[in-house]
C-alpha cells in the first residue's frame, strides 16, 4: 500500500468515510478533501457497494496518536470536519451510510472484507435512506426573569424569617410550574413532528457548555423525513412556533442533513426509534 505522506515506504492506514451503491463523480471526488495529513480521496469497490476512503499516515493515526488528538478540542474538531467532508463527497450521487469517525483499516483488503461482512445490513440501510434526509430540532427553556427578591413599589416589604421562607417557597413553586410547562411544550413539539417523519431519535440533551446558552436544553431530537414530506414538516414546525402556543420554550431547527443518526451500520436497521446518545466511536484495527 502506498503511503499517504512521507514517501512510498511510510506505513499508512486506510481511513473509511462512507458506503454507497452510487460512487461519487470522479471529478467531484478529486476536488474534495478529507484529512489534511492524508492522500486524495478514492473509491474501493466491494461487490455492489463502494467505500470512499483515504490513505492516512500511521504515525498520526495509530491508537496512541489518535487518542491524543481526539482529546484535544481543536484537533477533534478538525478530525470531525474532515470526516464530514469525506462523507459529503460520498453522497453526491445517492444515499450513503456514514461510518463512525476514525474508522481505520490496515489495507484495502481489510476494508473490503469489513464491508462484505456487513453487506446485508448496509444494503438495508441504503434502501431505507433513499430519498430521506435528517432534520435536527433542539428545544430550550425560554429565558425568564431572575429569581431575585422584588417588592412592589410603594408597598412595605415583608420582613422576618417567615416572610423570607414564604417568598422562597413561592419562587420554588414558580420554577417548578415553569419547568413543567416547558417540558410539556417540548413533548408537544416532538409529538407533532413525529407525524411527518418515518423515524425519530432522541439524543441526550447538551450541556450549557456545548450549547452556549444559559437556558436548559429539553429536547435534542433528529427526524428522518421523506424529501417529499419536508415542506409539510417545516410548515408544521413553523405553525408550532408562530401561533404563540409555545410560550415556555424556544425551538431551533437545522437541516436537511445527511442522516447520520439513522445510518449506523452496527445497529439493527429495523429499529425506528432509539433512546440515549449517539457518539461517534473510533473503530480501529490493531496493527498486526
Protein backbone atom coordinates (compact mmCIF):
# COMPACT_ATOMS: atom_id res chain seq x y z
CA UNK A 1 0.00 0.00 0.00
CA UNK A 2 1.38 3.41 -0.87
CA UNK A 3 1.86 5.87 1.95
CA UNK A 4 -0.29 8.93 2.42
CA UNK A 5 2.72 11.04 3.34
CA UNK A 6 6.40 10.63 3.80
CA UNK A 7 7.36 8.56 0.73
CA UNK A 8 6.48 5.12 -0.61
CA UNK A 9 7.86 3.22 2.40
CA UNK A 10 6.00 5.11 5.13
CA UNK A 11 3.26 2.91 6.66
CA UNK A 12 -0.32 4.08 6.24
CA UNK A 13 -3.81 3.16 7.33
CA UNK A 14 -6.92 3.27 5.20
CA UNK A 15 -9.45 5.71 6.69
CA UNK A 16 -13.02 4.91 5.60
CA UNK A 17 -15.72 7.59 5.44
CA UNK A 18 -18.92 6.16 3.95
CA UNK A 19 -20.50 3.34 1.96
CA UNK A 20 -22.75 3.86 -1.07
CA UNK A 21 -24.14 2.00 -4.05
CA UNK A 22 -23.60 5.04 -6.28
CA UNK A 23 -19.92 6.04 -6.39
CA UNK A 24 -19.29 9.80 -6.48
CA UNK A 25 -18.33 11.57 -9.67
CA UNK A 26 -14.59 11.25 -10.30
CA UNK A 27 -14.05 15.00 -10.71
CA UNK A 28 -16.13 15.80 -7.61
CA UNK A 29 -14.16 13.29 -5.59
CA UNK A 30 -10.86 14.72 -6.81
CA UNK A 31 -11.97 18.19 -5.70
CA UNK A 32 -12.89 17.03 -2.19
CA UNK A 33 -10.53 16.76 0.75
CA UNK A 34 -10.55 14.54 3.80
CA UNK A 35 -7.88 14.68 6.49
CA UNK A 36 -5.28 17.29 5.60
CA UNK A 37 -2.47 14.86 6.50
CA UNK A 38 -3.72 12.20 4.09
CA UNK A 39 -3.76 11.45 0.41
CA UNK A 40 -6.56 12.01 -2.11
CA UNK A 41 -9.98 10.51 -1.58
CA UNK A 42 -10.60 7.34 -3.60
CA UNK A 43 -13.16 4.57 -4.00
CA UNK A 44 -12.86 0.91 -3.09
CA UNK A 45 -15.37 -1.49 -4.65
CA UNK A 46 -16.74 -4.38 -2.59
CA UNK A 47 -19.33 -6.33 -4.57
CA UNK A 48 -22.15 -3.93 -5.38
CA UNK A 49 -21.04 -1.43 -2.74
CA UNK A 50 -18.48 1.35 -2.86
CA UNK A 51 -16.41 2.64 0.02
CA UNK A 52 -14.91 6.16 -0.02
CA UNK A 53 -11.51 6.07 1.68
CA UNK A 54 -8.26 7.96 2.14
CA UNK A 55 -4.74 6.79 2.96
CA UNK A 56 -3.53 8.43 6.17
CA UNK A 57 -0.12 8.19 7.89
CA UNK A 58 0.03 5.53 10.59
CA UNK A 59 2.28 7.73 12.72
CA UNK A 60 -0.60 10.19 13.18
CA UNK A 61 -3.49 7.72 13.19
CA UNK A 62 -2.30 4.78 15.29
CA UNK A 63 -4.15 4.13 18.52
CA UNK A 64 -1.99 6.25 20.81
CA UNK A 65 -1.56 9.20 18.44
CA UNK A 66 -5.24 9.27 17.57
CA UNK A 67 -6.29 9.12 21.23
CA UNK A 68 -4.11 12.13 21.98
CA UNK A 69 -5.50 14.09 19.05
CA UNK A 70 -9.14 13.31 19.81
CA UNK A 71 -8.64 14.51 23.38
CA UNK A 72 -7.60 17.96 22.15
CA UNK A 73 -10.68 20.05 21.26
CA UNK A 74 -9.12 21.77 18.24
CA UNK A 75 -7.79 18.52 16.78
CA UNK A 76 -11.11 16.78 17.48
CA UNK A 77 -12.96 19.48 15.57
CA UNK A 78 -10.54 19.23 12.63
CA UNK A 79 -10.98 15.45 12.53
CA UNK A 80 -14.76 15.76 12.69
CA UNK A 81 -14.81 18.32 9.86
CA UNK A 82 -12.50 16.17 7.74
CA UNK A 83 -14.73 13.15 8.33
CA UNK A 84 -17.82 15.11 7.32
CA UNK A 85 -16.11 16.30 4.11
CA UNK A 86 -15.38 12.69 3.23
CA UNK A 87 -18.99 11.66 3.89
CA UNK A 88 -20.30 14.60 1.84
CA UNK A 89 -18.03 13.62 -1.04
CA UNK A 90 -19.51 10.11 -0.97
CA UNK A 91 -23.09 11.38 -1.00
CA UNK A 92 -23.04 13.23 -4.32
CA UNK A 93 -24.92 10.61 -6.35
CA UNK A 94 -27.21 8.88 -3.86
CA UNK A 95 -27.75 7.73 -0.28
CA UNK A 96 -24.75 6.88 1.90
CA UNK A 97 -24.11 5.12 5.18
CA UNK A 98 -21.63 7.31 7.07
CA UNK A 99 -19.14 5.28 9.09
CA UNK A 100 -18.07 6.26 12.61
CA UNK A 101 -15.36 8.89 12.73
CA UNK A 102 -11.83 7.41 12.60
CA UNK A 103 -12.81 4.06 11.07
CA UNK A 104 -9.36 2.71 10.13
CA UNK A 105 -8.07 -0.45 8.44
CA UNK A 106 -4.64 -1.86 7.69
CA UNK A 107 -5.13 -2.02 3.95
CA UNK A 108 -7.65 -2.12 1.13
CA UNK A 109 -8.36 -5.82 1.54
CA UNK A 110 -9.26 -5.44 5.21
CA UNK A 111 -11.58 -2.55 4.37
CA UNK A 112 -13.30 -4.55 1.63
CA UNK A 113 -13.70 -7.53 3.97
CA UNK A 114 -15.38 -5.33 6.59
CA UNK A 115 -17.89 -4.04 4.02
CA UNK A 116 -18.55 -7.51 2.63
CA UNK A 117 -19.19 -8.88 6.12
CA UNK A 118 -21.93 -6.29 6.64
CA UNK A 119 -23.24 -6.16 3.09
CA UNK A 120 -26.79 -7.21 4.00
CA UNK A 121 -27.14 -4.62 6.77
CA UNK A 122 -25.58 -1.91 4.61
CA UNK A 123 -27.92 -2.72 1.74
CA UNK A 124 -30.94 -2.48 4.05
CA UNK A 125 -29.76 0.86 5.39
CA UNK A 126 -29.17 2.29 1.92
CA UNK A 127 -32.66 1.23 0.86
CA UNK A 128 -34.10 2.82 3.99
CA UNK A 129 -32.27 6.12 3.49
CA UNK A 130 -33.05 6.62 -0.19
CA UNK A 131 -34.96 9.85 -0.69
CA UNK A 132 -34.81 10.76 3.01
CA UNK A 133 -32.88 13.36 4.98
CA UNK A 134 -32.35 14.22 8.62
CA UNK A 135 -33.70 17.29 10.40
CA UNK A 136 -32.30 18.31 13.80
CA UNK A 137 -34.55 20.03 16.34
CA UNK A 138 -33.41 21.41 19.68
CA UNK A 139 -35.83 22.81 22.25
CA UNK A 140 -34.61 25.04 25.09
CA UNK A 141 -36.44 26.50 28.04
CA UNK A 142 -37.28 30.13 27.30
CA UNK A 143 -35.23 32.80 29.03
CA UNK A 144 -37.02 34.09 32.11
CA UNK A 145 -36.58 36.79 34.72
CA UNK A 146 -34.14 36.20 37.55
CA UNK A 147 -35.35 34.96 40.88
CA UNK A 148 -34.08 37.98 42.78
CA UNK A 149 -36.35 39.25 45.55
CA UNK A 150 -38.55 42.15 44.49
CA UNK A 151 -41.09 44.23 46.28
CA UNK A 152 -43.97 46.23 44.94
CA UNK A 153 -43.17 49.93 44.65
CA UNK A 154 -44.93 51.88 47.44
CA UNK A 155 -45.71 48.74 49.47
CA UNK A 156 -43.87 47.84 52.66
CA UNK A 157 -41.50 44.94 52.23
CA UNK A 158 -42.30 41.87 54.31
CA UNK A 159 -39.68 41.18 56.94
CA UNK A 160 -38.71 38.32 59.15
CA UNK A 161 -37.79 34.68 58.63
CA UNK A 162 -41.34 33.51 57.99
CA UNK A 163 -41.82 36.07 55.22
CA UNK A 164 -38.50 35.08 53.64
CA UNK A 165 -39.44 31.39 53.66
CA UNK A 166 -42.79 32.21 52.13
CA UNK A 167 -41.18 34.12 49.28
CA UNK A 168 -38.63 31.35 48.74
CA UNK A 169 -41.41 28.75 48.63
CA UNK A 170 -43.36 30.82 46.10
CA UNK A 171 -40.30 31.16 43.87
CA UNK A 172 -39.67 27.42 44.05
CA UNK A 173 -43.27 26.65 43.05
CA UNK A 174 -42.98 29.14 40.20
CA UNK A 175 -39.80 27.50 38.92
CA UNK A 176 -41.38 24.05 39.12
CA UNK A 177 -44.50 25.17 37.28
CA UNK A 178 -42.47 26.93 34.60
CA UNK A 179 -40.26 23.87 34.13
CA UNK A 180 -43.31 21.64 33.92
CA UNK A 181 -44.86 23.83 31.20
CA UNK A 182 -41.59 23.84 29.27
CA UNK A 183 -41.31 20.05 29.42
CA UNK A 184 -44.90 19.66 28.25
CA UNK A 185 -44.31 22.02 25.33
CA UNK A 186 -41.11 20.19 24.33
CA UNK A 187 -43.05 16.92 24.31
CA UNK A 188 -45.75 18.55 22.19
CA UNK A 189 -43.12 19.61 19.63
CA UNK A 190 -41.76 16.07 19.44
CA UNK A 191 -45.21 14.51 19.16
CA UNK A 192 -46.23 16.84 16.34
CA UNK A 193 -43.03 16.45 14.31
CA UNK A 194 -43.08 12.65 14.52
CA UNK A 195 -46.29 12.74 12.47
CA UNK A 196 -44.24 13.87 9.45
CA UNK A 197 -41.19 11.62 9.98
CA UNK A 198 -40.59 7.99 9.11
CA UNK A 199 -38.27 7.66 12.13
CA UNK A 200 -37.14 9.75 15.06
CA UNK A 201 -34.50 9.54 17.73
CA UNK A 202 -33.66 11.49 20.85
CA UNK A 203 -30.10 12.33 21.76
CA UNK A 204 -29.08 13.26 25.27
CA UNK A 205 -29.69 17.00 25.85
CA UNK A 206 -26.49 19.02 25.51
CA UNK A 207 -24.92 20.94 28.37
CA UNK A 208 -24.76 24.71 28.57
CA UNK A 209 -21.03 24.47 27.79
CA UNK A 210 -21.83 22.92 24.41
CA UNK A 211 -24.89 24.98 23.53
CA UNK A 212 -23.51 28.33 24.67
CA UNK A 213 -26.92 29.11 26.14
CA UNK A 214 -27.84 29.77 29.77
CA UNK A 215 -31.18 28.00 29.47
CA UNK A 216 -31.76 24.26 29.80
CA UNK A 217 -31.99 22.11 26.67
CA UNK A 218 -35.11 19.98 26.99
CA UNK A 219 -35.15 18.16 23.65
CA UNK A 220 -32.33 17.20 21.29
CA UNK A 221 -34.00 15.18 18.57
CA UNK A 222 -33.45 14.06 15.00
CA UNK A 223 -36.16 13.19 12.47
CA UNK A 224 -35.79 11.15 9.31
CA UNK A 225 -38.09 12.77 6.76
CA UNK A 226 -39.01 11.83 3.21
CA UNK A 227 -37.86 14.51 0.77
CA UNK A 228 -41.45 14.83 -0.44
CA UNK A 229 -42.63 15.40 3.15
CA UNK A 230 -40.05 18.08 4.02
CA UNK A 231 -42.36 21.02 3.13
CA UNK A 232 -45.07 19.64 5.42
CA UNK A 233 -42.51 19.06 8.18
CA UNK A 234 -41.24 22.64 8.01
CA UNK A 235 -44.78 24.04 7.82
CA UNK A 236 -45.73 22.09 10.94
CA UNK A 237 -42.68 23.44 12.73
CA UNK A 238 -43.45 26.99 11.65
CA UNK A 239 -47.01 26.59 12.86
CA UNK A 240 -45.85 25.44 16.27
CA UNK A 241 -43.58 28.43 16.74
CA UNK A 242 -45.82 31.09 15.19
CA UNK A 243 -49.14 30.72 16.96
CA UNK A 244 -48.00 31.59 20.48
CA UNK A 245 -48.65 28.14 21.94
CA UNK A 246 -45.00 27.70 22.88
CA UNK A 247 -44.52 30.43 25.45
CA UNK A 248 -42.20 28.43 27.71
CA UNK A 249 -39.67 27.17 25.15
CA UNK A 250 -37.54 28.23 22.20
CA UNK A 251 -37.21 25.91 19.19
CA UNK A 252 -34.18 25.71 16.88
CA UNK A 253 -34.15 23.62 13.70
CA UNK A 254 -31.40 22.79 11.21
CA UNK A 255 -31.26 20.67 8.10
CA UNK A 256 -31.81 18.82 5.99
CA UNK A 257 -28.64 16.82 6.61
CA UNK A 258 -27.10 13.51 5.67
CA UNK A 259 -28.92 11.13 8.05
CA UNK A 260 -26.08 10.29 10.43
CA UNK A 261 -28.50 9.47 13.26
CA UNK A 262 -30.25 6.77 11.24
CA UNK A 263 -27.33 5.17 9.41
CA UNK A 264 -25.39 3.20 11.99
CA UNK A 265 -24.16 0.03 10.34
CA UNK A 266 -23.54 -1.64 13.71
CA UNK A 267 -27.17 -1.40 14.82
CA UNK A 268 -30.40 -3.10 13.78
CA UNK A 269 -31.63 -1.17 10.71
CA UNK A 270 -35.24 -2.09 11.53
CA UNK A 271 -35.18 -0.04 14.75
CA UNK A 272 -37.02 3.21 14.08
CA UNK A 273 -36.64 4.88 17.43
CA UNK A 274 -33.61 4.90 19.70
CA UNK A 275 -33.20 6.36 23.17
CA UNK A 276 -29.98 7.82 24.51
CA UNK A 277 -26.96 9.37 22.91
CA UNK A 278 -25.17 8.53 19.71
CA UNK A 279 -21.43 9.01 19.91
CA UNK A 280 -19.00 8.66 17.04
CA UNK A 281 -16.75 5.81 18.05
CA UNK A 282 -13.25 5.02 16.96
CA UNK A 283 -13.26 1.69 15.15
CA UNK A 284 -9.63 0.84 14.60
CA UNK A 285 -7.98 -2.46 13.87
CA UNK A 286 -4.85 -3.14 15.87
CA UNK A 287 -1.74 -3.34 13.70
CA UNK A 288 -0.82 -6.94 13.03
